[in-house]
Amino acid sequence: MGILEWIQNIDAQILLFIQQYIRQDMMNWFWKGITFLGDGGWFWIVLGVVLLIPKKTRKSGFTALLALIIGSVITNLVLKTAVARIRPYDAVEGLVPLVKKLGDYSFPSGHTCASFSCAVVYYKMYPDIKGKGAMVLAVLIALSRLYVGVHYSTDVLGGAIVGWLSAILALKISVFTEKKKAAV
């Protein structure tokens, strides 16, 4: 067994463990709601747009939206197509998703990427309770993708890494544009 097959096997076992031992009917609504917050990045887009309105939060809104765009392009236009990993519910026997089956590939998790790209920006710009709250929500959205059975753990890890790197790039671009604007 090669390393990729070994990782695939561990990923499958994690999802089956979650389905068998962690999923509870009374908690399904909670995790479906959390995963809904990440659908299409809508929550993060709305938050970013709202932050564009007041002048004092405009920079954080712009930077988070930029990070979201960078992460979305890398995830959805490059990596998902290049890796072409089949969704777990189509590959793992006995796995039942709690949400509608999706039509795209699995790696990396777009929900997780979008969440971490914005949350890391907010955490860097607001290291108080607001930034920490954004990070907690990003982690919950990432975990929800495992709970509802639509991503492997490595998909979520990959999405978090791409999101984090997208945030770092967006923050650097934001600092660069601020310096350029100040120099003019």
N, C-alpha and C. Protein backbone atom coordinates (compact mmCIF):
# COMPACT_ATOMS: atom_id res chain seq x y z
N MET A 1 0.85 -1.18 0.00
CA MET A 1 0.00 0.00 0.00
C MET A 1 0.89 1.24 0.00
N GLY A 2 0.65 2.13 -0.96
CA GLY A 2 1.41 3.36 -1.05
C GLY A 2 0.91 4.40 -0.06
N ILE A 3 1.65 5.49 0.06
CA ILE A 3 1.31 6.54 1.02
C ILE A 3 -0.05 7.17 0.72
N LEU A 4 -0.35 7.42 -0.57
CA LEU A 4 -1.64 8.02 -0.91
C LEU A 4 -2.81 7.11 -0.57
N GLU A 5 -2.63 5.81 -0.81
CA GLU A 5 -3.69 4.86 -0.45
C GLU A 5 -3.87 4.79 1.06
N TRP A 6 -2.76 4.86 1.78
CA TRP A 6 -2.81 4.84 3.24
C TRP A 6 -3.56 6.06 3.77
N ILE A 7 -3.25 7.25 3.21
CA ILE A 7 -3.95 8.48 3.61
C ILE A 7 -5.43 8.38 3.27
N GLN A 8 -5.74 7.89 2.08
CA GLN A 8 -7.14 7.72 1.66
C GLN A 8 -7.88 6.80 2.63
N ASN A 9 -7.23 5.73 3.05
CA ASN A 9 -7.85 4.78 3.98
C ASN A 9 -8.11 5.44 5.34
N ILE A 10 -7.14 6.18 5.84
CA ILE A 10 -7.32 6.89 7.13
C ILE A 10 -8.45 7.90 7.00
N ASP A 11 -8.45 8.67 5.91
CA ASP A 11 -9.51 9.65 5.66
C ASP A 11 -10.89 8.99 5.69
N ALA A 12 -11.02 7.86 5.02
CA ALA A 12 -12.30 7.14 4.98
C ALA A 12 -12.69 6.66 6.37
N GLN A 13 -11.74 6.13 7.12
CA GLN A 13 -12.03 5.63 8.47
C GLN A 13 -12.49 6.75 9.40
N ILE A 14 -11.89 7.93 9.26
CA ILE A 14 -12.30 9.08 10.07
C ILE A 14 -13.76 9.42 9.79
N LEU A 15 -14.14 9.48 8.52
CA LEU A 15 -15.52 9.81 8.18
C LEU A 15 -16.51 8.75 8.66
N LEU A 16 -16.15 7.50 8.51
CA LEU A 16 -17.03 6.43 8.99
C LEU A 16 -17.14 6.45 10.52
N PHE A 17 -16.05 6.79 11.20
CA PHE A 17 -16.09 6.92 12.66
C PHE A 17 -17.03 8.05 13.07
N ILE A 18 -16.90 9.20 12.40
CA ILE A 18 -17.78 10.33 12.70
C ILE A 18 -19.23 9.93 12.48
N GLN A 19 -19.51 9.29 11.35
CA GLN A 19 -20.88 8.89 11.04
C GLN A 19 -21.43 7.90 12.08
N GLN A 20 -20.62 6.95 12.48
CA GLN A 20 -21.10 5.91 13.39
C GLN A 20 -21.14 6.33 14.85
N TYR A 21 -20.15 7.10 15.31
CA TYR A 21 -20.03 7.36 16.74
C TYR A 21 -20.27 8.81 17.17
N ILE A 22 -20.17 9.76 16.26
CA ILE A 22 -20.29 11.16 16.65
C ILE A 22 -21.61 11.78 16.19
N ARG A 23 -22.06 11.45 15.00
CA ARG A 23 -23.33 12.01 14.52
C ARG A 23 -24.47 11.64 15.46
N GLN A 24 -25.26 12.65 15.78
CA GLN A 24 -26.45 12.47 16.62
C GLN A 24 -27.60 13.21 15.96
N ASP A 25 -28.76 12.59 15.88
CA ASP A 25 -29.91 13.24 15.24
C ASP A 25 -30.17 14.62 15.83
N MET A 26 -30.03 14.75 17.15
CA MET A 26 -30.33 16.04 17.78
C MET A 26 -29.27 17.11 17.47
N MET A 27 -28.11 16.72 16.94
CA MET A 27 -27.06 17.68 16.59
C MET A 27 -26.96 17.95 15.09
N ASN A 28 -27.64 17.16 14.29
CA ASN A 28 -27.54 17.32 12.83
C ASN A 28 -27.93 18.71 12.37
N TRP A 29 -28.99 19.27 12.96
CA TRP A 29 -29.45 20.61 12.57
C TRP A 29 -28.35 21.65 12.80
N PHE A 30 -27.61 21.51 13.93
CA PHE A 30 -26.55 22.46 14.25
C PHE A 30 -25.46 22.42 13.19
N TRP A 31 -24.96 21.22 12.87
CA TRP A 31 -23.87 21.10 11.92
C TRP A 31 -24.29 21.43 10.50
N LYS A 32 -25.54 21.14 10.14
CA LYS A 32 -26.05 21.55 8.83
C LYS A 32 -26.11 23.08 8.76
N GLY A 33 -26.51 23.71 9.85
CA GLY A 33 -26.56 25.18 9.90
C GLY A 33 -25.18 25.81 9.79
N ILE A 34 -24.21 25.22 10.48
CA ILE A 34 -22.84 25.72 10.40
C ILE A 34 -22.30 25.58 8.98
N THR A 35 -22.54 24.42 8.36
CA THR A 35 -22.05 24.22 6.99
C THR A 35 -22.74 25.18 6.02
N PHE A 36 -24.02 25.51 6.28
CA PHE A 36 -24.75 26.46 5.45
C PHE A 36 -24.08 27.84 5.47
N LEU A 37 -23.52 28.23 6.60
CA LEU A 37 -22.84 29.53 6.68
C LEU A 37 -21.67 29.62 5.69
N GLY A 38 -21.11 28.48 5.33
CA GLY A 38 -20.00 28.47 4.38
C GLY A 38 -20.41 28.29 2.94
N ASP A 39 -21.69 28.00 2.67
CA ASP A 39 -22.15 27.76 1.30
C ASP A 39 -21.86 28.97 0.40
N GLY A 40 -21.05 28.74 -0.61
CA GLY A 40 -20.72 29.81 -1.57
C GLY A 40 -19.99 30.99 -0.94
N GLY A 41 -19.54 30.83 0.30
CA GLY A 41 -18.86 31.93 0.99
C GLY A 41 -19.77 33.08 1.36
N TRP A 42 -21.10 32.87 1.27
CA TRP A 42 -22.05 33.98 1.42
C TRP A 42 -21.88 34.73 2.73
N PHE A 43 -21.69 34.03 3.83
CA PHE A 43 -21.56 34.70 5.13
C PHE A 43 -20.35 35.63 5.13
N TRP A 44 -19.22 35.13 4.62
CA TRP A 44 -17.99 35.91 4.61
C TRP A 44 -18.08 37.07 3.63
N ILE A 45 -18.78 36.87 2.52
CA ILE A 45 -18.98 37.95 1.54
C ILE A 45 -19.81 39.06 2.16
N VAL A 46 -20.93 38.69 2.79
CA VAL A 46 -21.80 39.69 3.43
C VAL A 46 -21.04 40.45 4.51
N LEU A 47 -20.30 39.72 5.35
CA LEU A 47 -19.53 40.38 6.40
C LEU A 47 -18.50 41.34 5.81
N GLY A 48 -17.80 40.91 4.77
CA GLY A 48 -16.82 41.78 4.12
C GLY A 48 -17.44 43.03 3.53
N VAL A 49 -18.58 42.87 2.87
CA VAL A 49 -19.28 44.02 2.27
C VAL A 49 -19.76 44.98 3.35
N VAL A 50 -20.31 44.45 4.43
CA VAL A 50 -20.76 45.30 5.54
C VAL A 50 -19.58 46.08 6.12
N LEU A 51 -18.43 45.44 6.23
CA LEU A 51 -17.25 46.12 6.76
C LEU A 51 -16.68 47.16 5.80
N LEU A 52 -17.06 47.11 4.54
CA LEU A 52 -16.62 48.14 3.58
C LEU A 52 -17.32 49.47 3.83
N ILE A 53 -18.46 49.45 4.49
CA ILE A 53 -19.28 50.66 4.65
C ILE A 53 -18.64 51.68 5.60
N PRO A 54 -18.37 51.34 6.88
CA PRO A 54 -17.72 52.34 7.74
C PRO A 54 -16.24 52.50 7.36
N LYS A 55 -15.78 53.72 7.34
CA LYS A 55 -14.39 53.98 6.94
C LYS A 55 -13.39 53.25 7.84
N LYS A 56 -13.67 53.16 9.14
CA LYS A 56 -12.70 52.56 10.06
C LYS A 56 -12.54 51.05 9.89
N THR A 57 -13.50 50.38 9.23
CA THR A 57 -13.39 48.93 9.01
C THR A 57 -13.20 48.57 7.54
N ARG A 58 -13.13 49.58 6.71
CA ARG A 58 -13.05 49.36 5.25
C ARG A 58 -11.84 48.51 4.85
N LYS A 59 -10.70 48.79 5.47
CA LYS A 59 -9.48 48.05 5.11
C LYS A 59 -9.64 46.55 5.41
N SER A 60 -10.23 46.22 6.54
CA SER A 60 -10.41 44.80 6.88
C SER A 60 -11.41 44.14 5.95
N GLY A 61 -12.47 44.84 5.59
CA GLY A 61 -13.44 44.28 4.65
C GLY A 61 -12.82 44.04 3.29
N PHE A 62 -12.06 45.02 2.80
CA PHE A 62 -11.40 44.88 1.50
C PHE A 62 -10.40 43.73 1.52
N THR A 63 -9.59 43.68 2.57
CA THR A 63 -8.54 42.66 2.66
C THR A 63 -9.15 41.26 2.75
N ALA A 64 -10.20 41.11 3.54
CA ALA A 64 -10.86 39.80 3.66
C ALA A 64 -11.48 39.37 2.33
N LEU A 65 -12.12 40.29 1.63
CA LEU A 65 -12.72 39.95 0.33
C LEU A 65 -11.64 39.60 -0.69
N LEU A 66 -10.52 40.32 -0.64
CA LEU A 66 -9.40 39.99 -1.53
C LEU A 66 -8.87 38.59 -1.22
N ALA A 67 -8.71 38.27 0.05
CA ALA A 67 -8.25 36.93 0.44
C ALA A 67 -9.23 35.87 -0.02
N LEU A 68 -10.51 36.16 0.10
CA LEU A 68 -11.55 35.22 -0.33
C LEU A 68 -11.46 34.97 -1.84
N ILE A 69 -11.25 36.02 -2.61
CA ILE A 69 -11.13 35.88 -4.06
C ILE A 69 -9.88 35.07 -4.42
N ILE A 70 -8.75 35.39 -3.80
CA ILE A 70 -7.51 34.66 -4.06
C ILE A 70 -7.69 33.18 -3.75
N GLY A 71 -8.22 32.90 -2.57
CA GLY A 71 -8.43 31.51 -2.15
C GLY A 71 -9.41 30.77 -3.04
N SER A 72 -10.47 31.45 -3.45
CA SER A 72 -11.47 30.81 -4.32
C SER A 72 -10.90 30.46 -5.68
N VAL A 73 -10.09 31.35 -6.24
CA VAL A 73 -9.47 31.08 -7.54
C VAL A 73 -8.53 29.88 -7.42
N ILE A 74 -7.68 29.90 -6.41
CA ILE A 74 -6.73 28.79 -6.24
C ILE A 74 -7.46 27.48 -6.01
N THR A 75 -8.47 27.50 -5.15
CA THR A 75 -9.19 26.28 -4.79
C THR A 75 -10.06 25.77 -5.93
N ASN A 76 -10.95 26.63 -6.42
CA ASN A 76 -11.98 26.17 -7.36
C ASN A 76 -11.53 26.11 -8.81
N LEU A 77 -10.64 26.99 -9.21
CA LEU A 77 -10.22 26.99 -10.61
C LEU A 77 -8.93 26.22 -10.86
N VAL A 78 -8.11 26.05 -9.83
CA VAL A 78 -6.83 25.37 -10.03
C VAL A 78 -6.81 23.99 -9.36
N LEU A 79 -6.86 23.97 -8.03
CA LEU A 79 -6.62 22.72 -7.30
C LEU A 79 -7.70 21.67 -7.47
N LYS A 80 -8.97 22.07 -7.36
CA LYS A 80 -10.03 21.05 -7.49
C LYS A 80 -9.95 20.34 -8.83
N THR A 81 -9.69 21.08 -9.89
CA THR A 81 -9.60 20.49 -11.23
C THR A 81 -8.32 19.67 -11.38
N ALA A 82 -7.21 20.19 -10.88
CA ALA A 82 -5.92 19.50 -11.02
C ALA A 82 -5.89 18.19 -10.24
N VAL A 83 -6.40 18.21 -9.02
CA VAL A 83 -6.37 17.01 -8.17
C VAL A 83 -7.50 16.05 -8.52
N ALA A 84 -8.67 16.58 -8.80
CA ALA A 84 -9.85 15.79 -9.22
C ALA A 84 -10.17 14.65 -8.25
N ARG A 85 -10.19 14.95 -6.98
CA ARG A 85 -10.50 13.94 -5.97
C ARG A 85 -12.01 13.76 -5.85
N ILE A 86 -12.44 12.53 -5.95
CA ILE A 86 -13.86 12.19 -5.88
C ILE A 86 -14.37 12.46 -4.46
N ARG A 87 -15.60 12.93 -4.36
CA ARG A 87 -16.22 13.19 -3.06
C ARG A 87 -16.30 11.89 -2.25
N PRO A 88 -16.16 11.99 -0.93
CA PRO A 88 -16.15 10.78 -0.11
C PRO A 88 -17.42 9.94 -0.20
N TYR A 89 -18.57 10.57 -0.32
CA TYR A 89 -19.82 9.79 -0.38
C TYR A 89 -19.92 8.98 -1.67
N ASP A 90 -19.10 9.30 -2.67
CA ASP A 90 -19.05 8.50 -3.90
C ASP A 90 -17.93 7.46 -3.87
N ALA A 91 -17.08 7.51 -2.86
CA ALA A 91 -15.92 6.61 -2.81
C ALA A 91 -15.89 5.71 -1.57
N VAL A 92 -16.53 6.14 -0.50
CA VAL A 92 -16.47 5.39 0.76
C VAL A 92 -17.78 4.64 0.95
N GLU A 93 -17.68 3.34 0.89
CA GLU A 93 -18.87 2.50 1.01
C GLU A 93 -19.51 2.70 2.39
N GLY A 94 -20.82 2.96 2.38
CA GLY A 94 -21.58 3.12 3.61
C GLY A 94 -21.66 4.54 4.13
N LEU A 95 -20.92 5.47 3.54
CA LEU A 95 -20.97 6.86 4.00
C LEU A 95 -22.21 7.54 3.42
N VAL A 96 -22.99 8.15 4.29
CA VAL A 96 -24.23 8.82 3.88
C VAL A 96 -24.09 10.31 4.19
N PRO A 97 -24.12 11.17 3.17
CA PRO A 97 -24.02 12.61 3.44
C PRO A 97 -25.31 13.14 4.06
N LEU A 98 -25.19 14.17 4.89
CA LEU A 98 -26.36 14.79 5.51
C LEU A 98 -26.91 15.94 4.69
N VAL A 99 -26.19 16.35 3.66
CA VAL A 99 -26.63 17.45 2.80
C VAL A 99 -26.65 16.95 1.36
N LYS A 100 -27.22 17.79 0.50
CA LYS A 100 -27.31 17.45 -0.92
C LYS A 100 -25.92 17.16 -1.50
N LYS A 101 -25.85 16.14 -2.34
CA LYS A 101 -24.57 15.82 -2.99
C LYS A 101 -24.15 16.96 -3.90
N LEU A 102 -22.85 17.20 -3.93
CA LEU A 102 -22.29 18.31 -4.70
C LEU A 102 -21.75 17.81 -6.03
N GLY A 103 -21.65 18.70 -6.99
CA GLY A 103 -21.24 18.30 -8.33
C GLY A 103 -19.78 18.53 -8.67
N ASP A 104 -19.01 19.03 -7.71
CA ASP A 104 -17.60 19.29 -8.01
C ASP A 104 -16.71 18.32 -7.24
N TYR A 105 -15.41 18.51 -7.40
CA TYR A 105 -14.45 17.64 -6.73
C TYR A 105 -14.27 18.03 -5.27
N SER A 106 -13.53 17.19 -4.56
CA SER A 106 -13.46 17.29 -3.11
C SER A 106 -12.27 18.08 -2.57
N PHE A 107 -11.10 17.98 -3.21
CA PHE A 107 -9.89 18.60 -2.65
C PHE A 107 -9.52 19.88 -3.38
N PRO A 108 -9.27 20.94 -2.60
CA PRO A 108 -9.46 21.15 -1.18
C PRO A 108 -10.88 21.65 -0.89
N SER A 109 -11.22 21.74 0.38
CA SER A 109 -12.55 22.21 0.77
C SER A 109 -12.68 23.71 0.52
N GLY A 110 -13.61 24.08 -0.34
CA GLY A 110 -13.86 25.49 -0.63
C GLY A 110 -14.46 26.22 0.56
N HIS A 111 -15.36 25.56 1.30
CA HIS A 111 -15.94 26.16 2.51
C HIS A 111 -14.84 26.52 3.50
N THR A 112 -13.92 25.58 3.70
CA THR A 112 -12.84 25.79 4.66
C THR A 112 -11.88 26.87 4.17
N CYS A 113 -11.55 26.85 2.90
CA CYS A 113 -10.66 27.87 2.33
C CYS A 113 -11.26 29.26 2.50
N ALA A 114 -12.51 29.42 2.11
CA ALA A 114 -13.17 30.73 2.24
C ALA A 114 -13.19 31.19 3.69
N SER A 115 -13.52 30.27 4.58
CA SER A 115 -13.62 30.61 6.00
C SER A 115 -12.27 31.02 6.58
N PHE A 116 -11.24 30.26 6.29
CA PHE A 116 -9.92 30.59 6.83
C PHE A 116 -9.33 31.82 6.15
N SER A 117 -9.59 32.03 4.87
CA SER A 117 -9.04 33.22 4.21
C SER A 117 -9.56 34.48 4.88
N CYS A 118 -10.84 34.51 5.21
CA CYS A 118 -11.41 35.69 5.86
C CYS A 118 -11.09 35.73 7.35
N ALA A 119 -11.23 34.60 8.03
CA ALA A 119 -11.02 34.57 9.48
C ALA A 119 -9.59 34.95 9.85
N VAL A 120 -8.62 34.50 9.09
CA VAL A 120 -7.22 34.85 9.39
C VAL A 120 -7.00 36.35 9.22
N VAL A 121 -7.59 36.94 8.19
CA VAL A 121 -7.50 38.39 8.01
C VAL A 121 -8.09 39.10 9.22
N TYR A 122 -9.30 38.69 9.62
CA TYR A 122 -9.95 39.34 10.77
C TYR A 122 -9.15 39.14 12.05
N TYR A 123 -8.58 37.96 12.22
CA TYR A 123 -7.79 37.68 13.42
C TYR A 123 -6.53 38.56 13.45
N LYS A 124 -5.88 38.72 12.30
CA LYS A 124 -4.67 39.56 12.24
C LYS A 124 -5.01 41.04 12.47
N MET A 125 -6.17 41.47 11.97
CA MET A 125 -6.54 42.89 12.07
C MET A 125 -7.28 43.21 13.37
N TYR A 126 -7.94 42.21 13.93
CA TYR A 126 -8.68 42.37 15.19
C TYR A 126 -8.33 41.20 16.11
N PRO A 127 -7.17 41.24 16.78
CA PRO A 127 -6.75 40.10 17.59
C PRO A 127 -7.55 39.94 18.89
N ASP A 128 -8.61 40.71 19.03
CA ASP A 128 -9.46 40.60 20.22
C ASP A 128 -10.55 39.55 19.98
N ILE A 129 -11.64 39.68 20.67
CA ILE A 129 -12.72 38.69 20.60
C ILE A 129 -13.32 38.57 19.20
N LYS A 130 -13.32 39.66 18.42
CA LYS A 130 -13.88 39.59 17.06
C LYS A 130 -13.06 38.66 16.17
N GLY A 131 -11.76 38.83 16.20
CA GLY A 131 -10.88 37.98 15.40
C GLY A 131 -10.90 36.54 15.87
N LYS A 132 -10.91 36.36 17.18
CA LYS A 132 -10.97 35.00 17.73
C LYS A 132 -12.30 34.34 17.38
N GLY A 133 -13.38 35.11 17.41
CA GLY A 133 -14.69 34.58 17.04
C GLY A 133 -14.72 34.13 15.59
N ALA A 134 -14.09 34.90 14.72
CA ALA A 134 -14.02 34.53 13.29
C ALA A 134 -13.24 33.23 13.13
N MET A 135 -12.17 33.07 13.88
CA MET A 135 -11.38 31.83 13.80
C MET A 135 -12.17 30.63 14.31
N VAL A 136 -12.90 30.82 15.40
CA VAL A 136 -13.74 29.72 15.92
C VAL A 136 -14.77 29.32 14.88
N LEU A 137 -15.41 30.31 14.25
CA LEU A 137 -16.40 29.99 13.21
C LEU A 137 -15.75 29.26 12.04
N ALA A 138 -14.57 29.67 11.64
CA ALA A 138 -13.86 28.99 10.54
C ALA A 138 -13.59 27.53 10.89
N VAL A 139 -13.15 27.29 12.11
CA VAL A 139 -12.89 25.91 12.54
C VAL A 139 -14.18 25.11 12.56
N LEU A 140 -15.26 25.70 13.06
CA LEU A 140 -16.56 25.00 13.09
C LEU A 140 -17.04 24.66 11.67
N ILE A 141 -16.89 25.61 10.75
CA ILE A 141 -17.30 25.35 9.36
C ILE A 141 -16.45 24.21 8.79
N ALA A 142 -15.16 24.23 9.05
CA ALA A 142 -14.28 23.15 8.57
C ALA A 142 -14.72 21.80 9.14
N LEU A 143 -14.97 21.74 10.44
CA LEU A 143 -15.41 20.48 11.06
C LEU A 143 -16.77 20.03 10.55
N SER A 144 -17.62 21.00 10.22
CA SER A 144 -18.95 20.65 9.72
C SER A 144 -18.88 19.88 8.40
N ARG A 145 -17.86 20.16 7.61
CA ARG A 145 -17.71 19.47 6.32
C ARG A 145 -17.42 17.98 6.52
N LEU A 146 -16.74 17.65 7.60
CA LEU A 146 -16.51 16.25 7.95
C LEU A 146 -17.80 15.64 8.50
N TYR A 147 -18.44 16.36 9.39
CA TYR A 147 -19.66 15.86 10.04
C TYR A 147 -20.75 15.53 9.04
N VAL A 148 -20.94 16.42 8.05
CA VAL A 148 -22.01 16.17 7.07
C VAL A 148 -21.58 15.21 5.96
N GLY A 149 -20.31 14.80 5.96
CA GLY A 149 -19.84 13.74 5.07
C GLY A 149 -19.53 14.14 3.64
N VAL A 150 -19.15 15.40 3.43
CA VAL A 150 -18.87 15.83 2.06
C VAL A 150 -17.38 16.08 1.77
N HIS A 151 -16.55 15.99 2.81
CA HIS A 151 -15.10 16.18 2.64
C HIS A 151 -14.32 15.22 3.51
N TYR A 152 -13.15 14.87 3.03
CA TYR A 152 -12.18 14.12 3.82
C TYR A 152 -11.44 15.10 4.73
N SER A 153 -10.79 14.57 5.76
CA SER A 153 -10.02 15.44 6.67
C SER A 153 -8.88 16.15 5.93
N THR A 154 -8.26 15.48 4.96
CA THR A 154 -7.18 16.12 4.21
C THR A 154 -7.70 17.21 3.28
N ASP A 155 -8.96 17.11 2.84
CA ASP A 155 -9.58 18.19 2.05
C ASP A 155 -9.70 19.44 2.91
N VAL A 156 -10.15 19.23 4.15
CA VAL A 156 -10.34 20.33 5.08
C VAL A 156 -8.99 20.95 5.45
N LEU A 157 -8.00 20.11 5.71
CA LEU A 157 -6.66 20.61 6.01
C LEU A 157 -6.11 21.41 4.83
N GLY A 158 -6.27 20.88 3.62
CA GLY A 158 -5.82 21.59 2.42
C GLY A 158 -6.52 22.93 2.26
N GLY A 159 -7.83 22.96 2.50
CA GLY A 159 -8.59 24.21 2.42
C GLY A 159 -8.12 25.23 3.44
N ALA A 160 -7.83 24.76 4.66
CA ALA A 160 -7.34 25.67 5.70
C ALA A 160 -5.98 26.26 5.32
N ILE A 161 -5.12 25.43 4.77
CA ILE A 161 -3.78 25.91 4.37
C ILE A 161 -3.89 26.92 3.23
N VAL A 162 -4.67 26.61 2.21
CA VAL A 162 -4.84 27.55 1.09
C VAL A 162 -5.48 28.84 1.59
N GLY A 163 -6.47 28.74 2.46
CA GLY A 163 -7.12 29.92 3.02
C GLY A 163 -6.15 30.78 3.81
N TRP A 164 -5.36 30.13 4.65
CA TRP A 164 -4.37 30.84 5.47
C TRP A 164 -3.36 31.57 4.57
N LEU A 165 -2.84 30.87 3.58
CA LEU A 165 -1.87 31.49 2.67
C LEU A 165 -2.49 32.62 1.86
N SER A 166 -3.74 32.46 1.47
CA SER A 166 -4.46 33.52 0.74
C SER A 166 -4.61 34.76 1.62
N ALA A 167 -4.89 34.55 2.89
CA ALA A 167 -5.01 35.67 3.83
C ALA A 167 -3.67 36.39 3.99
N ILE A 168 -2.60 35.63 4.12
CA ILE A 168 -1.27 36.24 4.26
C ILE A 168 -0.94 37.08 3.03
N LEU A 169 -1.22 36.54 1.84
CA LEU A 169 -0.98 37.28 0.60
C LEU A 169 -1.83 38.55 0.54
N ALA A 170 -3.10 38.43 0.88
CA ALA A 170 -3.99 39.60 0.85
C ALA A 170 -3.54 40.66 1.86
N LEU A 171 -3.10 40.23 3.03
CA LEU A 171 -2.59 41.18 4.02
C LEU A 171 -1.34 41.90 3.51
N LYS A 172 -0.46 41.18 2.84
CA LYS A 172 0.75 41.80 2.28
C LYS A 172 0.38 42.79 1.17
N ILE A 173 -0.58 42.42 0.33
CA ILE A 173 -1.05 43.33 -0.72
C ILE A 173 -1.66 44.58 -0.10
N SER A 174 -2.43 44.40 0.96
CA SER A 174 -3.07 45.52 1.64
C SER A 174 -2.03 46.48 2.22
N VAL A 175 -1.00 45.94 2.85
CA VAL A 175 0.07 46.77 3.40
C VAL A 175 0.81 47.49 2.27
N PHE A 176 1.09 46.78 1.19
CA PHE A 176 1.78 47.37 0.04
C PHE A 176 0.97 48.53 -0.55
N THR A 177 -0.34 48.33 -0.73
CA THR A 177 -1.17 49.40 -1.31
C THR A 177 -1.28 50.59 -0.36
N GLU A 178 -1.28 50.33 0.95
CA GLU A 178 -1.30 51.42 1.93
C GLU A 178 -0.02 52.25 1.82
N LYS A 179 1.11 51.57 1.69
CA LYS A 179 2.40 52.27 1.56
C LYS A 179 2.45 53.07 0.27
N LYS A 180 1.93 52.49 -0.82
CA LYS A 180 1.91 53.20 -2.11
C LYS A 180 1.02 54.44 -2.01
N LYS A 181 -0.13 54.28 -1.35
CA LYS A 181 -1.07 55.39 -1.21
C LYS A 181 -0.46 56.50 -0.35
N ALA A 182 0.25 56.12 0.71
CA ALA A 182 0.88 57.09 1.60
C ALA A 182 2.02 57.83 0.90
N ALA A 183 2.69 57.17 -0.03
CA ALA A 183 3.81 57.78 -0.74
C ALA A 183 3.36 58.80 -1.78
N VAL A 184 2.11 58.71 -2.20
CA VAL A 184 1.61 59.61 -3.25
C VAL A 184 1.22 60.94 -2.70
